[in-house]
Amino acid sequence: MKKSYKIEVDCANCANLMEEAARKTEGVKDCVVSFMTLKMKVEFEEGVDAAAVMKAVRDNCKKVEDDCEIYL
């Protein structure tokens, strides 16, 4: 399953850090973050709860870039 989320981030480097953090989150198969469109596209592993995974993704992204936001 793939979903797209609106994000708020200050710079392209921060977007890259968010993408790396999201990819390392359990339950995420792949993730692409676009600084230009302020979107995060997430592909989830089969059978996971997307809402729970995205809460973990947001927590992991806040660890690398504390002023970022993902609108769930």
PDB file of N, CA and C in Angstrom:
ATOM      1  N   MET A   1       0.842  -1.170   0.000  1.00  0.00           N
ATOM      2  CA  MET A   1       0.000   0.000   0.000  1.00  0.00           C
ATOM      3  C   MET A   1       0.894   1.242   0.000  1.00  0.00           C
ATOM      4  N   LYS A   2       0.497   2.236  -0.796  1.00  0.00           N
ATOM      5  CA  LYS A   2       1.236   3.497  -0.865  1.00  0.00           C
ATOM      6  C   LYS A   2       0.319   4.632  -0.428  1.00  0.00           C
ATOM      7  N   LYS A   3       0.905   5.574   0.297  1.00  0.00           N
ATOM      8  CA  LYS A   3       0.165   6.765   0.722  1.00  0.00           C
ATOM      9  C   LYS A   3       1.066   7.975   0.597  1.00  0.00           C
ATOM     10  N   SER A   4       0.441   9.135   0.429  1.00  0.00           N
ATOM     11  CA  SER A   4       1.159  10.394   0.324  1.00  0.00           C
ATOM     12  C   SER A   4       0.757  11.288   1.489  1.00  0.00           C
ATOM     13  N   TYR A   5       1.734  11.985   2.059  1.00  0.00           N
ATOM     14  CA  TYR A   5       1.507  12.852   3.217  1.00  0.00           C
ATOM     15  C   TYR A   5       2.107  14.220   2.959  1.00  0.00           C
ATOM     16  N   LYS A   6       1.422  15.252   3.407  1.00  0.00           N
ATOM     17  CA  LYS A   6       1.942  16.622   3.351  1.00  0.00           C
ATOM     18  C   LYS A   6       2.940  16.774   4.491  1.00  0.00           C
ATOM     19  N   ILE A   7       4.060  17.408   4.198  1.00  0.00           N
ATOM     20  CA  ILE A   7       5.090  17.622   5.217  1.00  0.00           C
ATOM     21  C   ILE A   7       5.456  19.093   5.285  1.00  0.00           C
ATOM     22  N   GLU A   8       6.144  19.450   6.344  1.00  0.00           N
ATOM     23  CA  GLU A   8       6.704  20.790   6.506  1.00  0.00           C
ATOM     24  C   GLU A   8       8.156  20.603   6.912  1.00  0.00           C
ATOM     25  N   VAL A   9       9.055  21.134   6.100  1.00  0.00           N
ATOM     26  CA  VAL A   9      10.483  20.988   6.345  1.00  0.00           C
ATOM     27  C   VAL A   9      11.192  22.229   5.795  1.00  0.00           C
ATOM     28  N   ASP A  10      12.315  22.602   6.417  1.00  0.00           N
ATOM     29  CA  ASP A  10      12.974  23.870   6.103  1.00  0.00           C
ATOM     30  C   ASP A  10      13.925  23.845   4.912  1.00  0.00           C
ATOM     31  N   CYS A  11      14.556  22.705   4.641  1.00  0.00           N
ATOM     32  CA  CYS A  11      15.560  22.682   3.573  1.00  0.00           C
ATOM     33  C   CYS A  11      15.638  21.296   2.933  1.00  0.00           C
ATOM     34  N   ALA A  12      16.303  21.232   1.783  1.00  0.00           N
ATOM     35  CA  ALA A  12      16.425  19.979   1.047  1.00  0.00           C
ATOM     36  C   ALA A  12      17.222  18.945   1.834  1.00  0.00           C
ATOM     37  N   ASN A  13      18.244  19.380   2.556  1.00  0.00           N
ATOM     38  CA  ASN A  13      19.035  18.439   3.357  1.00  0.00           C
ATOM     39  C   ASN A  13      18.178  17.824   4.459  1.00  0.00           C
ATOM     40  N   CYS A  14      17.331  18.624   5.074  1.00  0.00           N
ATOM     41  CA  CYS A  14      16.431  18.115   6.110  1.00  0.00           C
ATOM     42  C   CYS A  14      15.463  17.092   5.516  1.00  0.00           C
ATOM     43  N   ALA A  15      14.990  17.352   4.301  1.00  0.00           N
ATOM     44  CA  ALA A  15      14.098  16.409   3.622  1.00  0.00           C
ATOM     45  C   ALA A  15      14.809  15.084   3.387  1.00  0.00           C
ATOM     46  N   ASN A  16      16.094  15.144   3.024  1.00  0.00           N
ATOM     47  CA  ASN A  16      16.868  13.913   2.834  1.00  0.00           C
ATOM     48  C   ASN A  16      17.018  13.151   4.146  1.00  0.00           C
ATOM     49  N   LEU A  17      17.249  13.857   5.238  1.00  0.00           N
ATOM     50  CA  LEU A  17      17.358  13.206   6.544  1.00  0.00           C
ATOM     51  C   LEU A  17      16.037  12.538   6.932  1.00  0.00           C
ATOM     52  N   MET A  18      14.918  13.206   6.631  1.00  0.00           N
ATOM     53  CA  MET A  18      13.611  12.634   6.915  1.00  0.00           C
ATOM     54  C   MET A  18      13.387  11.362   6.097  1.00  0.00           C
ATOM     55  N   GLU A  19      13.790  11.399   4.833  1.00  0.00           N
ATOM     56  CA  GLU A  19      13.623  10.238   3.953  1.00  0.00           C
ATOM     57  C   GLU A  19      14.412   9.044   4.484  1.00  0.00           C
ATOM     58  N   GLU A  20      15.654   9.274   4.876  1.00  0.00           N
ATOM     59  CA  GLU A  20      16.488   8.198   5.429  1.00  0.00           C
ATOM     60  C   GLU A  20      15.875   7.631   6.709  1.00  0.00           C
ATOM     61  N   ALA A  21      15.404   8.509   7.592  1.00  0.00           N
ATOM     62  CA  ALA A  21      14.809   8.063   8.851  1.00  0.00           C
ATOM     63  C   ALA A  21      13.548   7.243   8.593  1.00  0.00           C
ATOM     64  N   ALA A  22      12.739   7.672   7.645  1.00  0.00           N
ATOM     65  CA  ALA A  22      11.504   6.951   7.329  1.00  0.00           C
ATOM     66  C   ALA A  22      11.812   5.576   6.752  1.00  0.00           C
ATOM     67  N   ARG A  23      12.797   5.499   5.872  1.00  0.00           N
ATOM     68  CA  ARG A  23      13.160   4.206   5.258  1.00  0.00           C
ATOM     69  C   ARG A  23      13.644   3.196   6.290  1.00  0.00           C
ATOM     70  N   LYS A  24      14.231   3.676   7.362  1.00  0.00           N
ATOM     71  CA  LYS A  24      14.756   2.781   8.402  1.00  0.00           C
ATOM     72  C   LYS A  24      13.675   2.330   9.390  1.00  0.00           C
ATOM     73  N   THR A  25      12.472   2.892   9.275  1.00  0.00           N
ATOM     74  CA  THR A  25      11.387   2.569  10.196  1.00  0.00           C
ATOM     75  C   THR A  25      10.782   1.219   9.835  1.00  0.00           C
ATOM     76  N   GLU A  26      10.562   0.394  10.850  1.00  0.00           N
ATOM     77  CA  GLU A  26       9.961  -0.918  10.630  1.00  0.00           C
ATOM     78  C   GLU A  26       8.557  -0.759  10.065  1.00  0.00           C
ATOM     79  N   GLY A  27       8.265  -1.511   8.999  1.00  0.00           N
ATOM     80  CA  GLY A  27       6.957  -1.441   8.351  1.00  0.00           C
ATOM     81  C   GLY A  27       6.968  -0.606   7.081  1.00  0.00           C
ATOM     82  N   VAL A  28       8.054   0.137   6.845  1.00  0.00           N
ATOM     83  CA  VAL A  28       8.175   0.958   5.643  1.00  0.00           C
ATOM     84  C   VAL A  28       9.000   0.197   4.609  1.00  0.00           C
ATOM     85  N   LYS A  29       8.405  -0.012   3.439  1.00  0.00           N
ATOM     86  CA  LYS A  29       9.114  -0.690   2.349  1.00  0.00           C
ATOM     87  C   LYS A  29       9.979   0.302   1.576  1.00  0.00           C
ATOM     88  N   ASP A  30       9.415   1.496   1.327  1.00  0.00           N
ATOM     89  CA  ASP A  30      10.158   2.535   0.610  1.00  0.00           C
ATOM     90  C   ASP A  30       9.544   3.892   0.941  1.00  0.00           C
ATOM     91  N   CYS A  31      10.348   4.926   0.773  1.00  0.00           N
ATOM     92  CA  CYS A  31       9.887   6.285   1.056  1.00  0.00           C
ATOM     93  C   CYS A  31      10.619   7.260   0.151  1.00  0.00           C
ATOM     94  N   VAL A  32       9.880   8.242  -0.358  1.00  0.00           N
ATOM     95  CA  VAL A  32      10.462   9.325  -1.148  1.00  0.00           C
ATOM     96  C   VAL A  32       9.924  10.633  -0.590  1.00  0.00           C
ATOM     97  N   VAL A  33      10.836  11.542  -0.268  1.00  0.00           N
ATOM     98  CA  VAL A  33      10.457  12.862   0.232  1.00  0.00           C
ATOM     99  C   VAL A  33      10.860  13.901  -0.806  1.00  0.00           C
ATOM    100  N   SER A  34       9.915  14.758  -1.175  1.00  0.00           N
ATOM    101  CA  SER A  34      10.186  15.830  -2.123  1.00  0.00           C
ATOM    102  C   SER A  34      10.136  17.170  -1.398  1.00  0.00           C
ATOM    103  N   PHE A  35      11.268  17.847  -1.355  1.00  0.00           N
ATOM    104  CA  PHE A  35      11.317  19.171  -0.751  1.00  0.00           C
ATOM    105  C   PHE A  35      10.539  20.181  -1.595  1.00  0.00           C
ATOM    106  N   MET A  36      10.589  20.018  -2.907  1.00  0.00           N
ATOM    107  CA  MET A  36       9.920  20.974  -3.809  1.00  0.00           C
ATOM    108  C   MET A  36       8.405  20.960  -3.641  1.00  0.00           C
ATOM    109  N   THR A  37       7.818  19.778  -3.478  1.00  0.00           N
ATOM    110  CA  THR A  37       6.359  19.680  -3.363  1.00  0.00           C
ATOM    111  C   THR A  37       5.892  19.544  -1.914  1.00  0.00           C
ATOM    112  N   LEU A  38       6.855  19.395  -0.980  1.00  0.00           N
ATOM    113  CA  LEU A  38       6.553  19.180   0.438  1.00  0.00           C
ATOM    114  C   LEU A  38       5.621  17.979   0.630  1.00  0.00           C
ATOM    115  N   LYS A  39       6.006  16.877  -0.011  1.00  0.00           N
ATOM    116  CA  LYS A  39       5.242  15.629   0.082  1.00  0.00           C
ATOM    117  C   LYS A  39       6.167  14.473   0.459  1.00  0.00           C
ATOM    118  N   MET A  40       5.605  13.537   1.211  1.00  0.00           N
ATOM    119  CA  MET A  40       6.294  12.292   1.551  1.00  0.00           C
ATOM    120  C   MET A  40       5.430  11.159   1.024  1.00  0.00           C
ATOM    121  N   LYS A  41       5.995  10.351   0.132  1.00  0.00           N
ATOM    122  CA  LYS A  41       5.287   9.199  -0.399  1.00  0.00           C
ATOM    123  C   LYS A  41       5.874   7.951   0.253  1.00  0.00           C
ATOM    124  N   VAL A  42       5.014   7.199   0.928  1.00  0.00           N
ATOM    125  CA  VAL A  42       5.450   6.036   1.703  1.00  0.00           C
ATOM    126  C   VAL A  42       4.798   4.780   1.147  1.00  0.00           C
ATOM    127  N   GLU A  43       5.626   3.755   0.928  1.00  0.00           N
ATOM    128  CA  GLU A  43       5.120   2.435   0.563  1.00  0.00           C
ATOM    129  C   GLU A  43       5.302   1.542   1.779  1.00  0.00           C
ATOM    130  N   PHE A  44       4.228   0.932   2.221  1.00  0.00           N
ATOM    131  CA  PHE A  44       4.240   0.122   3.437  1.00  0.00           C
ATOM    132  C   PHE A  44       4.431  -1.356   3.128  1.00  0.00           C
ATOM    133  N   GLU A  45       4.996  -2.083   4.100  1.00  0.00           N
ATOM    134  CA  GLU A  45       5.079  -3.542   4.008  1.00  0.00           C
ATOM    135  C   GLU A  45       3.661  -4.107   4.041  1.00  0.00           C
ATOM    136  N   GLU A  46       3.502  -5.311   3.528  1.00  0.00           N
ATOM    137  CA  GLU A  46       2.190  -5.975   3.533  1.00  0.00           C
ATOM    138  C   GLU A  46       1.720  -6.230   4.957  1.00  0.00           C
ATOM    139  N   GLY A  47       0.450  -5.944   5.218  1.00  0.00           N
ATOM    140  CA  GLY A  47      -0.178  -6.311   6.476  1.00  0.00           C
ATOM    141  C   GLY A  47       0.119  -5.439   7.681  1.00  0.00           C
ATOM    142  N   VAL A  48       0.760  -4.298   7.474  1.00  0.00           N
ATOM    143  CA  VAL A  48       1.046  -3.425   8.621  1.00  0.00           C
ATOM    144  C   VAL A  48      -0.066  -2.392   8.788  1.00  0.00           C
ATOM    145  N   ASP A  49      -0.172  -1.850   9.983  1.00  0.00           N
ATOM    146  CA  ASP A  49      -1.110  -0.768  10.277  1.00  0.00           C
ATOM    147  C   ASP A  49      -0.431   0.550   9.887  1.00  0.00           C
ATOM    148  N   ALA A  50      -0.872   1.144   8.782  1.00  0.00           N
ATOM    149  CA  ALA A  50      -0.224   2.347   8.246  1.00  0.00           C
ATOM    150  C   ALA A  50      -0.210   3.483   9.263  1.00  0.00           C
ATOM    151  N   ALA A  51      -1.295   3.649  10.013  1.00  0.00           N
ATOM    152  CA  ALA A  51      -1.367   4.741  10.991  1.00  0.00           C
ATOM    153  C   ALA A  51      -0.312   4.573  12.082  1.00  0.00           C
ATOM    154  N   ALA A  52      -0.149   3.352  12.571  1.00  0.00           N
ATOM    155  CA  ALA A  52       0.850   3.090  13.615  1.00  0.00           C
ATOM    156  C   ALA A  52       2.261   3.265  13.076  1.00  0.00           C
ATOM    157  N   VAL A  53       2.494   2.807  11.853  1.00  0.00           N
ATOM    158  CA  VAL A  53       3.817   2.953  11.241  1.00  0.00           C
ATOM    159  C   VAL A  53       4.144   4.425  11.050  1.00  0.00           C
ATOM    160  N   MET A  54       3.167   5.232  10.626  1.00  0.00           N
ATOM    161  CA  MET A  54       3.425   6.646  10.389  1.00  0.00           C
ATOM    162  C   MET A  54       3.706   7.405  11.685  1.00  0.00           C
ATOM    163  N   LYS A  55       3.131   6.973  12.785  1.00  0.00           N
ATOM    164  CA  LYS A  55       3.476   7.590  14.072  1.00  0.00           C
ATOM    165  C   LYS A  55       4.943   7.330  14.388  1.00  0.00           C
ATOM    166  N   ALA A  56       5.410   6.103  14.108  1.00  0.00           N
ATOM    167  CA  ALA A  56       6.823   5.769  14.319  1.00  0.00           C
ATOM    168  C   ALA A  56       7.713   6.547  13.351  1.00  0.00           C
ATOM    169  N   VAL A  57       7.255   6.701  12.111  1.00  0.00           N
ATOM    170  CA  VAL A  57       8.007   7.486  11.120  1.00  0.00           C
ATOM    171  C   VAL A  57       8.155   8.924  11.609  1.00  0.00           C
ATOM    172  N   ARG A  58       7.063   9.519  12.098  1.00  0.00           N
ATOM    173  CA  ARG A  58       7.125  10.903  12.585  1.00  0.00           C
ATOM    174  C   ARG A  58       8.094  11.011  13.761  1.00  0.00           C
ATOM    175  N   ASP A  59       8.034  10.063  14.689  1.00  0.00           N
ATOM    176  CA  ASP A  59       8.955  10.078  15.830  1.00  0.00           C
ATOM    177  C   ASP A  59      10.406   9.985  15.363  1.00  0.00           C
ATOM    178  N   ASN A  60      10.684   9.096  14.401  1.00  0.00           N
ATOM    179  CA  ASN A  60      12.047   8.937  13.890  1.00  0.00           C
ATOM    180  C   ASN A  60      12.515  10.183  13.145  1.00  0.00           C
ATOM    181  N   CYS A  61      11.623  10.804  12.398  1.00  0.00           N
ATOM    182  CA  CYS A  61      11.987  12.033  11.676  1.00  0.00           C
ATOM    183  C   CYS A  61      12.265  13.167  12.652  1.00  0.00           C
ATOM    184  N   LYS A  62      11.505  13.253  13.731  1.00  0.00           N
ATOM    185  CA  LYS A  62      11.720  14.301  14.740  1.00  0.00           C
ATOM    186  C   LYS A  62      13.078  14.141  15.425  1.00  0.00           C
ATOM    187  N   LYS A  63      13.595  12.907  15.481  1.00  0.00           N
ATOM    188  CA  LYS A  63      14.915  12.677  16.088  1.00  0.00           C
ATOM    189  C   LYS A  63      16.028  13.291  15.249  1.00  0.00           C
ATOM    190  N   VAL A  64      15.874  13.269  13.911  1.00  0.00           N
ATOM    191  CA  VAL A  64      16.929  13.808  13.045  1.00  0.00           C
ATOM    192  C   VAL A  64      16.684  15.258  12.669  1.00  0.00           C
ATOM    193  N   GLU A  65      15.414  15.688  12.692  1.00  0.00           N
ATOM    194  CA  GLU A  65      15.070  17.067  12.337  1.00  0.00           C
ATOM    195  C   GLU A  65      13.868  17.484  13.183  1.00  0.00           C
ATOM    196  N   ASP A  66      14.169  18.083  14.338  1.00  0.00           N
ATOM    197  CA  ASP A  66      13.119  18.299  15.353  1.00  0.00           C
ATOM    198  C   ASP A  66      12.053  19.312  14.952  1.00  0.00           C
ATOM    199  N   ASP A  67      12.305  20.174  13.966  1.00  0.00           N
ATOM    200  CA  ASP A  67      11.283  21.142  13.586  1.00  0.00           C
ATOM    201  C   ASP A  67      10.510  20.754  12.329  1.00  0.00           C
ATOM    202  N   CYS A  68      10.633  19.492  11.893  1.00  0.00           N
ATOM    203  CA  CYS A  68       9.861  19.023  10.756  1.00  0.00           C
ATOM    204  C   CYS A  68       8.463  18.599  11.215  1.00  0.00           C
ATOM    205  N   GLU A  69       7.555  18.464  10.254  1.00  0.00           N
ATOM    206  CA  GLU A  69       6.213  17.993  10.584  1.00  0.00           C
ATOM    207  C   GLU A  69       5.682  17.130   9.445  1.00  0.00           C
ATOM    208  N   ILE A  70       4.971  16.075   9.823  1.00  0.00           N
ATOM    209  CA  ILE A  70       4.268  15.219   8.865  1.00  0.00           C
ATOM    210  C   ILE A  70       2.803  15.274   9.263  1.00  0.00           C
ATOM    211  N   TYR A  71       1.967  15.677   8.331  1.00  0.00           N
ATOM    212  CA  TYR A  71       0.541  15.806   8.616  1.00  0.00           C
ATOM    213  C   TYR A  71      -0.152  14.485   8.318  1.00  0.00           C
ATOM    214  N   LEU A  72      -0.539  13.787   9.381  1.00  0.00           N
ATOM    215  CA  LEU A  72      -1.154  12.468   9.234  1.00  0.00           C
ATOM    216  C   LEU A  72      -2.599  12.566   8.999  1.00  0.00           C
TER     217      LEU A  72
END
